[in-house]
Protein backbone atom coordinates (compact mmCIF):
# COMPACT_ATOMS: atom_id res chain seq x y z
CA UNK A 1 66.80 -30.09 55.92
CA UNK A 2 65.14 -28.21 52.95
CA UNK A 3 66.99 -25.48 51.03
CA UNK A 4 64.73 -24.32 48.19
CA UNK A 5 61.59 -25.06 46.30
CA UNK A 6 61.31 -24.06 42.69
CA UNK A 7 57.88 -24.36 40.92
CA UNK A 8 58.33 -25.87 37.37
CA UNK A 9 55.86 -24.59 34.94
CA UNK A 10 55.37 -26.45 31.53
CA UNK A 11 54.92 -24.53 28.31
CA UNK A 12 55.26 -24.88 24.55
CA UNK A 13 57.21 -21.60 24.51
CA UNK A 14 59.77 -21.20 27.31
CA UNK A 15 61.13 -17.87 25.76
CA UNK A 16 57.79 -16.27 25.81
CA UNK A 17 57.09 -17.15 29.32
CA UNK A 18 60.67 -16.03 30.34
CA UNK A 19 60.19 -12.62 28.47
CA UNK A 20 56.88 -12.19 30.44
CA UNK A 21 58.81 -12.22 33.79
CA UNK A 22 61.78 -10.46 32.54
CA UNK A 23 60.05 -7.55 30.65
CA UNK A 24 57.02 -7.07 32.70
CA UNK A 25 58.23 -7.95 36.15
CA UNK A 26 61.87 -7.36 36.14
CA UNK A 27 63.05 -11.01 36.75
CA UNK A 28 66.51 -12.13 35.84
CA UNK A 29 67.34 -15.04 33.72
CA UNK A 30 69.75 -17.13 35.90
CA UNK A 31 69.98 -20.27 33.69
CA UNK A 32 68.87 -21.55 30.22
CA UNK A 33 69.21 -24.75 28.24
CA UNK A 34 69.02 -24.29 24.55
CA UNK A 35 67.21 -26.69 22.24
CA UNK A 36 66.74 -26.95 18.52
CA UNK A 37 63.47 -24.83 18.55
CA UNK A 38 64.32 -22.39 21.39
CA UNK A 39 65.03 -22.88 25.08
CA UNK A 40 64.18 -26.26 26.68
CA UNK A 41 64.42 -24.80 30.25
CA UNK A 42 64.75 -21.42 31.79
CA UNK A 43 65.42 -20.49 35.43
CA UNK A 44 64.23 -16.96 36.54
CA UNK A 45 64.78 -15.04 39.81
CA UNK A 46 62.82 -12.17 41.16
CA UNK A 47 64.02 -11.33 44.65
CA UNK A 48 63.28 -14.30 46.78
CA UNK A 49 61.18 -15.90 44.12
CA UNK A 50 62.55 -18.39 41.75
CA UNK A 51 60.60 -19.98 38.95
CA UNK A 52 61.47 -22.49 36.24
CA UNK A 53 59.80 -23.05 32.81
CA UNK A 54 60.33 -26.24 30.99
CA UNK A 55 59.19 -27.15 27.55
CA UNK A 56 56.84 -30.04 26.95
CA UNK A 57 59.41 -31.44 24.31
CA UNK A 58 62.08 -31.79 26.92
CA UNK A 59 59.81 -34.37 28.68
CA UNK A 60 60.28 -36.85 25.83
CA UNK A 61 62.45 -39.25 27.80
CA UNK A 62 60.56 -39.03 31.10
CA UNK A 63 58.05 -41.81 32.09
CA UNK A 64 54.64 -41.73 30.49
CA UNK A 65 53.00 -40.89 33.90
CA UNK A 66 55.16 -37.67 34.25
CA UNK A 67 54.59 -36.56 30.60
CA UNK A 68 50.93 -36.95 30.95
CA UNK A 69 50.83 -35.04 34.20
CA UNK A 70 52.90 -32.17 32.72
CA UNK A 71 50.11 -31.52 30.25
CA UNK A 72 47.41 -31.37 32.81
CA UNK A 73 47.92 -27.61 33.85
CA UNK A 74 47.66 -24.91 34.25
CA UNK A 75 49.45 -24.05 37.45
CA UNK A 76 48.23 -21.42 39.92
CA UNK A 77 50.89 -19.33 41.72
CA UNK A 78 50.10 -17.05 44.51
CA UNK A 79 52.75 -14.28 44.98
CA UNK A 80 52.84 -11.95 47.86
CA UNK A 81 53.93 -8.45 47.28
CA UNK A 82 54.86 -5.42 49.37
CA UNK A 83 52.76 -3.12 47.00
CA UNK A 84 50.19 -4.26 44.70
CA UNK A 85 50.56 -1.15 42.53
CA UNK A 86 53.81 -2.43 41.14
CA UNK A 87 52.56 -5.64 39.56
CA UNK A 88 49.35 -3.70 38.53
CA UNK A 89 51.38 -1.31 36.48
CA UNK A 90 53.82 -4.10 35.24
CA UNK A 91 50.83 -6.20 33.93
CA UNK A 92 48.87 -3.15 32.52
CA UNK A 93 47.16 -4.06 29.39
CA UNK A 94 47.12 -7.80 29.92
CA UNK A 95 43.52 -9.44 30.40
CA UNK A 96 42.78 -9.97 34.10
CA UNK A 97 41.64 -13.59 35.00
CA UNK A 98 40.26 -11.88 38.21
CA UNK A 99 40.11 -8.11 38.78
CA UNK A 100 41.59 -6.40 41.80
CA UNK A 101 39.42 -7.39 44.83
CA UNK A 102 39.50 -7.52 48.59
CA UNK A 103 39.49 -10.94 50.27
CA UNK A 104 37.97 -12.29 53.46
CA UNK A 105 41.54 -12.97 54.77
CA UNK A 106 42.69 -9.35 54.53
CA UNK A 107 44.47 -9.07 51.21
CA UNK A 108 43.86 -7.07 48.03
CA UNK A 109 44.80 -9.08 44.93
CA UNK A 110 44.24 -9.78 41.26
CA UNK A 111 45.12 -12.58 38.83
CA UNK A 112 46.66 -12.63 35.37
CA UNK A 113 47.96 -15.37 33.08
CA UNK A 114 51.46 -15.89 31.70
CA UNK A 115 51.92 -16.67 27.92
CA UNK A 116 51.41 -20.48 28.81
CA UNK A 117 48.07 -19.88 30.48
CA UNK A 118 49.44 -20.42 34.09
CA UNK A 119 47.50 -18.28 36.51
CA UNK A 120 49.39 -15.72 38.84
CA UNK A 121 47.67 -14.07 41.73
CA UNK A 122 49.54 -11.07 43.07
CA UNK A 123 48.38 -10.26 46.62
CA UNK A 124 49.23 -7.37 49.08
CA UNK A 125 48.41 -8.75 52.54
CA UNK A 126 46.82 -6.93 55.49
CA UNK A 127 45.52 -3.97 53.54
CA UNK A 128 41.79 -4.76 53.02
CA UNK A 129 38.78 -6.52 54.36
CA UNK A 130 36.17 -8.16 52.27
C-alpha cells in the first residue's frame, strides 16, 4: 500500500540546508524548484534516505492552519548509520546539540542541527550499553 515517506522540513534558506547535506554528508540533489529569492523546495537523496526542504514563503497559498504549523518546528530526525565515525567526521566543527553518548537501548549516538535548527541524531545501533 505505501511506497515511500519523505520528511519535509521548513526553512528560510533551502539552499543552506541542501548544502549542509550535500557538502557534509554526501547527499545528492534530486529535484529543486527555483523561486525569486532562491530555491522554494529541494529534494535530497542519501542512500535510502530522502529528505525535502521547503521554504516558509512557499506556504503562502496554503491554509492558515498549515502555515502556522510549519513555523512551529524544529523537527527531530533519527538517522541510523552503519558506522558512527562517518557522520562524526562529516560534522566535525559543528556544535553538538548532544555529544556522543551510549544509550540504554544499545546505540552510540550524537545530535547536531542543520542550518534551519532542525535536530539530527545519528545513531549506530547495537554497539554500546548505557
